[in-house]
N, C-alpha and C. Protein backbone atom coordinates (compact mmCIF):
# COMPACT_ATOMS: atom_id res chain seq x y z
N UNK A 1 13.23 38.82 -23.92
CA UNK A 1 12.72 38.31 -22.53
C UNK A 1 12.32 36.60 -22.51
N UNK A 2 12.80 35.92 -21.75
CA UNK A 2 12.61 34.55 -21.96
C UNK A 2 10.94 34.32 -20.93
N UNK A 3 10.10 33.09 -21.75
CA UNK A 3 9.04 33.12 -20.99
C UNK A 3 9.06 31.77 -20.07
N UNK A 4 8.37 32.23 -18.86
CA UNK A 4 8.17 31.15 -17.64
C UNK A 4 6.85 30.65 -17.68
N UNK A 5 6.98 29.72 -16.95
CA UNK A 5 5.69 29.18 -16.11
C UNK A 5 5.30 29.97 -14.81
N UNK A 6 4.07 30.00 -14.70
CA UNK A 6 3.87 30.75 -13.28
C UNK A 6 4.17 29.69 -12.19
N UNK A 7 4.42 30.13 -11.19
CA UNK A 7 4.87 29.03 -10.04
C UNK A 7 3.19 28.07 -9.46
N UNK A 8 2.48 28.67 -9.88
CA UNK A 8 1.69 27.44 -9.45
C UNK A 8 0.96 26.58 -10.46
N UNK A 9 1.55 26.72 -11.82
CA UNK A 9 1.64 25.67 -12.70
C UNK A 9 2.72 24.73 -12.63
N UNK A 10 3.60 25.32 -12.04
CA UNK A 10 4.94 24.27 -11.81
C UNK A 10 4.47 23.62 -10.98
N UNK A 11 4.27 24.00 -9.71
CA UNK A 11 3.80 23.27 -8.50
C UNK A 11 2.60 22.29 -8.92
N UNK A 12 1.68 22.50 -9.24
CA UNK A 12 0.83 21.68 -9.93
C UNK A 12 1.15 20.39 -10.74
N UNK A 13 1.95 20.55 -11.76
CA UNK A 13 2.62 19.48 -12.42
C UNK A 13 3.30 18.81 -11.94
N UNK A 14 4.58 19.39 -10.92
CA UNK A 14 5.49 18.77 -10.03
C UNK A 14 4.55 17.71 -8.74
N UNK A 15 2.93 18.17 -8.81
CA UNK A 15 2.14 17.44 -7.83
C UNK A 15 1.99 16.28 -8.40
N UNK A 16 1.66 16.43 -9.47
CA UNK A 16 0.95 15.55 -10.66
C UNK A 16 1.97 14.49 -11.03
N UNK A 17 3.18 14.96 -11.20
CA UNK A 17 4.27 14.05 -11.62
C UNK A 17 4.57 13.51 -10.50
N UNK A 18 4.47 13.82 -9.22
CA UNK A 18 4.98 13.02 -8.23
C UNK A 18 4.08 11.81 -7.35
N UNK A 19 2.94 12.02 -8.15
CA UNK A 19 1.62 11.31 -7.73
C UNK A 19 1.27 10.14 -8.86
N UNK A 20 1.77 10.25 -10.18
CA UNK A 20 1.56 9.76 -11.15
C UNK A 20 2.78 9.37 -12.02
N UNK A 21 3.86 8.66 -11.54
CA UNK A 21 5.06 8.50 -12.21
C UNK A 21 5.24 8.27 -13.44
N UNK A 22 4.49 7.11 -13.65
CA UNK A 22 4.25 6.30 -15.09
C UNK A 22 3.27 7.08 -15.75
N UNK A 23 2.82 8.00 -15.87
CA UNK A 23 1.63 8.77 -16.61
C UNK A 23 2.16 9.15 -18.01
N UNK A 24 1.34 9.24 -18.89
CA UNK A 24 1.35 9.59 -20.31
C UNK A 24 1.95 11.28 -20.36
N UNK A 25 2.74 11.69 -20.61
CA UNK A 25 2.81 13.20 -20.91
C UNK A 25 2.71 13.64 -22.51
N UNK A 26 2.23 12.65 -23.51
CA UNK A 26 2.24 13.50 -24.82
C UNK A 26 1.36 14.29 -24.93
N UNK A 27 0.17 14.50 -24.39
CA UNK A 27 -0.59 15.79 -24.43
C UNK A 27 -0.36 16.90 -23.52
N UNK A 28 0.79 16.85 -22.70
CA UNK A 28 1.17 18.03 -21.73
C UNK A 28 2.01 19.13 -22.63
N UNK A 29 1.66 20.45 -21.98
CA UNK A 29 2.28 21.32 -22.55
C UNK A 29 1.98 22.80 -21.64
N UNK A 30 2.77 23.71 -21.82
CA UNK A 30 2.50 24.90 -21.22
C UNK A 30 2.22 26.09 -21.95
N UNK A 31 3.72 26.17 -23.11
CA UNK A 31 3.78 27.38 -23.89
C UNK A 31 2.98 27.24 -25.10
N UNK A 32 2.91 28.58 -25.73
CA UNK A 32 1.87 28.36 -26.73
C UNK A 32 2.68 28.18 -28.30
N UNK A 33 1.53 27.28 -29.17
CA UNK A 33 2.17 26.54 -30.42
C UNK A 33 1.61 27.53 -31.03
N UNK A 34 1.66 27.60 -32.52
CA UNK A 34 1.47 28.47 -33.69
C UNK A 34 -0.10 28.53 -33.68
N UNK A 35 -1.11 27.44 -33.14
CA UNK A 35 -2.11 27.43 -33.30
C UNK A 35 -2.72 28.59 -32.01
N UNK A 36 -2.36 28.32 -30.91
CA UNK A 36 -3.07 29.12 -29.81
C UNK A 36 -2.28 30.70 -29.96
N UNK A 37 -1.22 30.88 -30.72
CA UNK A 37 -0.85 32.48 -31.14
C UNK A 37 -1.75 33.03 -32.37
N UNK A 38 -2.63 31.73 -33.14
CA UNK A 38 -3.14 32.35 -34.91
C UNK A 38 -4.70 33.11 -33.57
N UNK A 39 -4.92 31.83 -32.95
CA UNK A 39 -6.24 32.41 -32.22
C UNK A 39 -6.25 33.57 -31.32
N UNK A 40 -5.03 34.08 -31.00
CA UNK A 40 -4.95 34.86 -30.25
C UNK A 40 -5.23 35.47 -29.16
N UNK A 41 -5.65 34.69 -28.42
CA UNK A 41 -6.36 34.45 -26.93
C UNK A 41 -5.98 33.38 -26.50
N UNK A 42 -5.14 33.53 -25.44
CA UNK A 42 -4.66 32.01 -24.81
C UNK A 42 -4.04 32.16 -23.51
N UNK A 43 -3.99 31.43 -22.11
CA UNK A 43 -3.25 31.45 -21.05
C UNK A 43 -1.89 30.88 -21.31
N UNK A 44 -2.24 30.28 -22.66
CA UNK A 44 -0.84 29.79 -22.79
C UNK A 44 0.20 30.67 -23.72
N UNK A 45 0.10 31.91 -24.31
CA UNK A 45 0.33 32.73 -24.80
C UNK A 45 1.57 33.95 -23.58
N UNK A 46 2.72 34.08 -23.66
CA UNK A 46 3.36 34.84 -22.87
C UNK A 46 2.62 36.07 -22.53
N UNK A 47 2.50 36.57 -21.11
CA UNK A 47 1.76 37.84 -20.61
C UNK A 47 3.33 38.66 -20.77
N UNK A 48 3.41 39.74 -22.08
CA UNK A 48 4.55 40.37 -21.86
C UNK A 48 4.29 41.73 -20.79
N UNK A 49 3.12 42.09 -20.60
CA UNK A 49 3.06 42.86 -19.39
C UNK A 49 3.31 42.72 -18.24
N UNK A 50 3.61 41.39 -18.06
CA UNK A 50 4.19 40.83 -16.60
C UNK A 50 5.04 39.70 -16.69
N UNK A 51 6.19 40.28 -17.38
CA UNK A 51 7.41 39.96 -17.31
C UNK A 51 7.42 38.52 -18.47
N UNK A 52 6.66 38.22 -19.45
CA UNK A 52 6.42 36.68 -20.36
C UNK A 52 6.13 35.49 -19.40
N UNK A 53 5.34 35.75 -18.55
CA UNK A 53 4.62 34.72 -17.29
C UNK A 53 3.67 33.88 -18.36
N UNK A 54 3.70 32.50 -18.20
CA UNK A 54 2.61 31.74 -18.92
C UNK A 54 1.64 31.13 -17.74
N UNK A 55 0.12 31.05 -17.87
CA UNK A 55 -0.63 31.03 -16.84
C UNK A 55 -1.44 30.14 -16.84
N UNK A 56 -0.92 28.76 -17.95
CA UNK A 56 -1.57 27.71 -18.16
C UNK A 56 -0.78 26.52 -18.60
N UNK A 57 -1.34 25.25 -18.04
CA UNK A 57 -0.64 23.98 -18.12
C UNK A 57 -1.54 23.09 -18.93
N UNK A 58 -1.33 21.96 -19.66
CA UNK A 58 -2.42 21.29 -20.34
C UNK A 58 -1.50 19.83 -19.43
N UNK A 59 -2.12 18.77 -19.26
CA UNK A 59 -2.17 17.65 -18.74
C UNK A 59 -2.61 16.52 -18.88
N UNK A 60 -2.10 15.54 -19.59
CA UNK A 60 -2.57 14.43 -20.44
C UNK A 60 -3.28 13.48 -19.51
N UNK A 61 -4.42 13.48 -20.33
CA UNK A 61 -5.42 12.03 -19.82
C UNK A 61 -5.41 11.12 -18.99
N UNK A 62 -3.97 10.67 -19.71
CA UNK A 62 -3.97 9.05 -19.01
C UNK A 62 -3.16 9.50 -17.94
N UNK A 63 -3.34 9.43 -16.50
CA UNK A 63 -2.25 9.70 -15.76
C UNK A 63 -1.72 8.50 -15.04
N UNK A 64 -2.07 7.19 -15.66
CA UNK A 64 -1.54 5.97 -15.00
C UNK A 64 -0.63 5.42 -16.34
N UNK A 65 -0.69 6.30 -17.69
CA UNK A 65 0.30 5.64 -18.45
C UNK A 65 -0.53 4.81 -19.42
N UNK A 66 -1.85 4.38 -19.12
CA UNK A 66 -3.01 3.65 -19.89
C UNK A 66 -4.20 4.27 -20.15
N UNK A 67 -4.94 4.17 -20.69
CA UNK A 67 -6.19 4.95 -20.75
C UNK A 67 -7.13 4.49 -19.58
N UNK A 68 -7.43 3.36 -18.65
CA UNK A 68 -7.81 2.91 -17.65
C UNK A 68 -6.69 2.67 -16.54
N UNK A 69 -7.14 2.71 -15.37
CA UNK A 69 -8.51 3.33 -14.93
C UNK A 69 -8.45 5.26 -15.33
N UNK A 70 -9.41 5.46 -15.46
CA UNK A 70 -9.32 7.12 -16.13
C UNK A 70 -9.62 7.83 -14.56
N UNK A 71 -8.82 8.21 -13.91
CA UNK A 71 -8.92 9.18 -12.96
C UNK A 71 -8.75 10.79 -12.74
N UNK A 72 -8.74 10.94 -14.57
CA UNK A 72 -8.41 12.81 -14.43
C UNK A 72 -9.73 13.24 -14.59
N UNK A 73 -10.97 12.59 -14.54
CA UNK A 73 -12.49 13.40 -13.98
C UNK A 73 -12.35 13.50 -12.55
N UNK A 74 -11.67 12.95 -11.95
CA UNK A 74 -11.69 12.79 -10.47
C UNK A 74 -10.55 14.20 -9.78
N UNK A 75 -9.54 13.85 -10.68
CA UNK A 75 -8.57 14.96 -10.52
C UNK A 75 -9.20 16.57 -10.93
N UNK A 76 -9.66 16.53 -11.78
CA UNK A 76 -10.38 17.96 -12.33
C UNK A 76 -11.35 18.30 -11.35
N UNK A 77 -12.26 17.65 -11.01
CA UNK A 77 -13.21 17.86 -10.14
C UNK A 77 -12.63 18.45 -8.71
N UNK A 78 -11.89 17.34 -8.20
CA UNK A 78 -11.16 18.02 -6.62
C UNK A 78 -10.54 19.39 -6.93
N UNK A 79 -9.75 19.50 -8.09
CA UNK A 79 -9.30 21.28 -8.25
C UNK A 79 -10.49 22.07 -8.43
N UNK A 80 -11.33 21.87 -9.27
CA UNK A 80 -13.06 22.83 -9.20
C UNK A 80 -13.30 23.11 -7.95
N UNK A 81 -13.32 21.82 -6.86
CA UNK A 81 -13.97 22.45 -5.98
C UNK A 81 -13.02 22.82 -4.74
N UNK A 82 -11.88 22.68 -4.99
CA UNK A 82 -10.89 23.46 -4.23
C UNK A 82 -11.04 25.13 -4.56
N UNK A 83 -11.35 25.01 -6.02
CA UNK A 83 -11.23 26.56 -6.25
C UNK A 83 -12.47 27.40 -5.82
N UNK A 84 -13.59 26.32 -5.91
CA UNK A 84 -14.69 27.10 -5.82
C UNK A 84 -14.59 27.13 -3.99
N UNK A 85 -14.18 26.28 -3.28
CA UNK A 85 -13.97 26.75 -1.67
C UNK A 85 -13.19 28.04 -1.60
N UNK A 86 -12.21 28.64 -2.43
CA UNK A 86 -11.08 29.35 -2.55
C UNK A 86 -10.06 29.11 -1.64
N UNK A 87 -10.06 27.96 -1.20
CA UNK A 87 -8.60 27.50 -0.70
C UNK A 87 -7.59 27.11 -1.52
N UNK A 88 -7.80 27.45 -2.61
CA UNK A 88 -6.55 27.62 -3.79
C UNK A 88 -5.83 28.58 -3.65
N UNK A 89 -6.20 29.84 -2.71
CA UNK A 89 -5.76 30.89 -2.63
C UNK A 89 -5.67 31.97 -3.84
N UNK A 90 -7.20 31.59 -4.53
CA UNK A 90 -7.38 32.26 -5.91
C UNK A 90 -6.34 32.52 -6.92
N UNK A 91 -5.86 31.06 -6.97
CA UNK A 91 -4.81 31.10 -7.90
C UNK A 91 -5.69 30.15 -9.69
N UNK A 92 -6.30 29.25 -9.40
CA UNK A 92 -6.90 29.03 -10.30
C UNK A 92 -8.02 29.53 -11.61
N UNK A 93 -7.65 29.73 -12.43
CA UNK A 93 -8.75 30.72 -13.21
C UNK A 93 -10.16 30.43 -13.69
N UNK A 94 -9.63 29.19 -14.39
CA UNK A 94 -10.68 27.91 -15.00
C UNK A 94 -10.26 26.88 -15.43
N UNK A 95 -10.81 26.00 -15.65
CA UNK A 95 -10.37 24.25 -15.92
C UNK A 95 -11.38 24.02 -17.05
N UNK A 96 -10.61 23.50 -18.20
CA UNK A 96 -11.35 22.92 -19.43
C UNK A 96 -11.07 21.63 -19.39
N UNK A 97 -11.97 20.45 -19.74
CA UNK A 97 -11.88 19.38 -19.60
C UNK A 97 -12.97 18.74 -20.16
N UNK A 98 -12.85 17.87 -21.12
CA UNK A 98 -13.61 16.91 -21.82
C UNK A 98 -15.02 17.22 -22.37
N UNK A 99 -14.98 18.70 -22.81
CA UNK A 99 -15.77 19.54 -23.31
C UNK A 99 -16.85 20.43 -22.43
N UNK A 100 -16.34 20.56 -21.19
CA UNK A 100 -16.48 21.38 -19.82
C UNK A 100 -16.00 22.34 -19.75
N UNK A 101 -16.21 23.55 -19.10
CA UNK A 101 -15.50 24.32 -18.29
C UNK A 101 -15.68 24.51 -17.03
N UNK A 102 -15.46 25.14 -16.65
CA UNK A 102 -15.76 25.39 -14.71
C UNK A 102 -14.73 26.90 -14.45
N UNK A 103 -15.61 27.78 -14.06
CA UNK A 103 -14.72 28.99 -14.03
C UNK A 103 -15.91 29.94 -12.91
N UNK A 104 -15.08 30.77 -11.94
CA UNK A 104 -16.09 31.92 -11.08
C UNK A 104 -17.20 32.33 -11.83
N UNK A 105 -17.28 32.51 -13.37
CA UNK A 105 -18.47 33.13 -13.99
C UNK A 105 -19.68 32.05 -13.54
N UNK A 106 -19.86 30.98 -13.32
CA UNK A 106 -21.14 30.29 -13.02
C UNK A 106 -20.87 29.41 -11.67
N UNK A 107 -19.96 30.29 -10.68
CA UNK A 107 -19.79 29.60 -9.28
C UNK A 107 -18.84 28.45 -9.30
N UNK A 108 -18.40 27.78 -10.25
CA UNK A 108 -17.60 26.61 -10.44
C UNK A 108 -18.22 25.52 -10.82
N UNK A 109 -19.65 26.02 -11.82
CA UNK A 109 -20.07 24.77 -11.74
C UNK A 109 -19.94 24.43 -13.58
N UNK A 110 -19.77 22.94 -13.98
CA UNK A 110 -19.46 22.52 -15.26
C UNK A 110 -20.51 23.20 -16.26
N UNK A 111 -20.08 23.45 -17.38
CA UNK A 111 -21.06 23.89 -18.45
C UNK A 111 -20.21 23.46 -19.30
N UNK A 112 -20.99 23.42 -20.79
CA UNK A 112 -20.39 23.14 -21.79
C UNK A 112 -19.55 23.96 -22.28
N UNK A 113 -18.27 23.37 -22.92
CA UNK A 113 -17.47 24.27 -23.53
C UNK A 113 -17.56 24.43 -25.09
N UNK A 114 -17.24 25.28 -25.70
CA UNK A 114 -17.90 25.75 -27.20
C UNK A 114 -16.51 25.70 -27.88
N UNK A 115 -15.11 26.32 -27.14
CA UNK A 115 -14.18 26.30 -28.09
C UNK A 115 -13.85 25.16 -28.83
N UNK A 116 -12.99 25.37 -30.29
CA UNK A 116 -12.30 24.25 -31.14
C UNK A 116 -11.94 22.95 -30.24
N UNK A 117 -11.36 23.42 -29.39
CA UNK A 117 -10.43 22.33 -28.76
C UNK A 117 -11.17 21.69 -27.62
N UNK A 118 -11.81 20.23 -27.54
CA UNK A 118 -12.53 19.93 -26.50
C UNK A 118 -11.93 19.35 -25.33
N UNK A 119 -10.74 19.10 -25.53
CA UNK A 119 -9.80 18.67 -24.43
C UNK A 119 -10.14 17.67 -23.79
N UNK A 120 -10.19 16.35 -24.86
CA UNK A 120 -10.61 15.13 -24.30
C UNK A 120 -9.33 14.41 -24.32
N UNK A 121 -8.08 14.74 -24.29
CA UNK A 121 -7.13 14.28 -24.33
C UNK A 121 -6.16 14.64 -23.15
N UNK A 122 -6.71 15.63 -22.60
CA UNK A 122 -5.80 16.51 -21.57
C UNK A 122 -6.71 17.51 -20.87
N UNK A 123 -6.51 18.00 -19.85
CA UNK A 123 -6.94 18.77 -19.31
C UNK A 123 -6.41 19.98 -19.26
N UNK A 124 -7.26 21.03 -19.12
CA UNK A 124 -6.09 22.65 -19.02
C UNK A 124 -6.54 23.31 -17.95
N UNK A 125 -5.69 23.56 -17.47
CA UNK A 125 -5.32 24.57 -16.08
C UNK A 125 -5.26 25.79 -16.35
N UNK A 126 -5.71 26.86 -16.17
CA UNK A 126 -5.33 28.47 -16.12
C UNK A 126 -5.35 29.15 -14.87
N UNK A 127 -4.55 29.79 -14.85
CA UNK A 127 -4.22 30.34 -13.42
C UNK A 127 -4.38 31.98 -13.32
N UNK A 128 -4.59 32.51 -12.45
CA UNK A 128 -4.39 33.77 -12.52
C UNK A 128 -3.19 34.03 -11.99
N UNK A 129 -3.21 36.12 -11.85
CA UNK A 129 -1.97 36.42 -11.77
C UNK A 129 -1.51 35.92 -10.39
N UNK A 130 -2.41 35.77 -9.32
CA UNK A 130 -2.07 34.98 -7.66
C UNK A 130 -1.24 34.22 -8.00
N UNK A 131 -1.11 33.24 -8.84
CA UNK A 131 -0.35 31.87 -9.35
C UNK A 131 0.98 32.43 -9.89
N UNK A 132 1.19 33.72 -10.15
CA UNK A 132 2.59 33.86 -10.45
C UNK A 132 3.68 33.69 -9.87
N UNK A 133 3.58 33.94 -8.71
CA UNK A 133 4.70 33.87 -7.54
C UNK A 133 4.16 32.70 -6.57
N UNK A 134 2.96 32.32 -6.24
CA UNK A 134 2.57 31.69 -5.14
C UNK A 134 2.44 30.11 -5.69
N UNK A 135 3.78 29.38 -5.02
CA UNK A 135 3.73 28.21 -5.54
C UNK A 135 3.49 26.84 -4.45
N UNK A 136 2.50 27.50 -3.31
CA UNK A 136 2.04 26.65 -2.53
C UNK A 136 1.48 25.53 -3.30
N UNK A 137 1.53 23.78 -2.43
CA UNK A 137 0.87 22.96 -2.87
C UNK A 137 -0.50 23.37 -2.94
N UNK A 138 -1.05 22.28 -3.96
CA UNK A 138 -2.77 22.27 -4.43
C UNK A 138 -3.15 21.27 -3.42
N UNK A 139 -3.94 21.49 -2.16
CA UNK A 139 -4.23 20.49 -1.14
C UNK A 139 -5.48 19.96 -1.54
N UNK A 140 -5.36 18.65 -2.15
CA UNK A 140 -6.52 17.61 -2.56
C UNK A 140 -6.35 16.45 -2.64
N UNK A 141 -7.17 15.56 -2.21
CA UNK A 141 -6.54 14.22 -2.02
C UNK A 141 -5.91 13.32 -2.97
N UNK A 142 -6.25 13.55 -4.19
CA UNK A 142 -5.78 12.95 -5.36
C UNK A 142 -3.87 13.41 -5.72
N UNK A 143 -3.69 14.48 -4.79
CA UNK A 143 -2.27 15.16 -4.71
C UNK A 143 -1.58 14.72 -3.72
N UNK A 144 -2.77 13.68 -2.65
CA UNK A 144 -1.78 13.38 -1.46
C UNK A 144 -2.14 14.35 -0.19
N UNK A 145 -3.06 15.20 -0.61
CA UNK A 145 -3.24 16.36 0.40
C UNK A 145 -4.48 15.63 1.13
N UNK A 146 -5.07 16.61 2.09
CA UNK A 146 -5.92 16.46 3.23
C UNK A 146 -5.84 15.04 4.05
N UNK A 147 -4.64 14.55 4.37
CA UNK A 147 -4.60 13.48 4.73
C UNK A 147 -4.97 13.48 6.28
């Protein structure tokens, strides 16, 4: 069975692409590479129990195609606050960026991430099963929401 990206992942990627047309995509990705598979646990690995859905995307840090201005810290924080408020529909499972992780585990507060990849060149967004078929837009200012 062919793998597919969850609807929430598709929507978030499309919103970012629409707002940052010249962004660098060299660190983008969604499906597991050999490194993810070897680690054994990653939301980039297709979930065979749910039709091979992939529940994670990586988005390159350079939203403008150049390192500066660096808006990724603001983008990830807006998505973190959206998830904390539960206005994302419960679709965001966790976010990893620049050596930190945020999730419901600590009420969406940033805490040190201890994984091997510190995600300094890209942000990692993981989604819950609620995002498998819910592709509604993420309503945050940097993605032209809340106008």
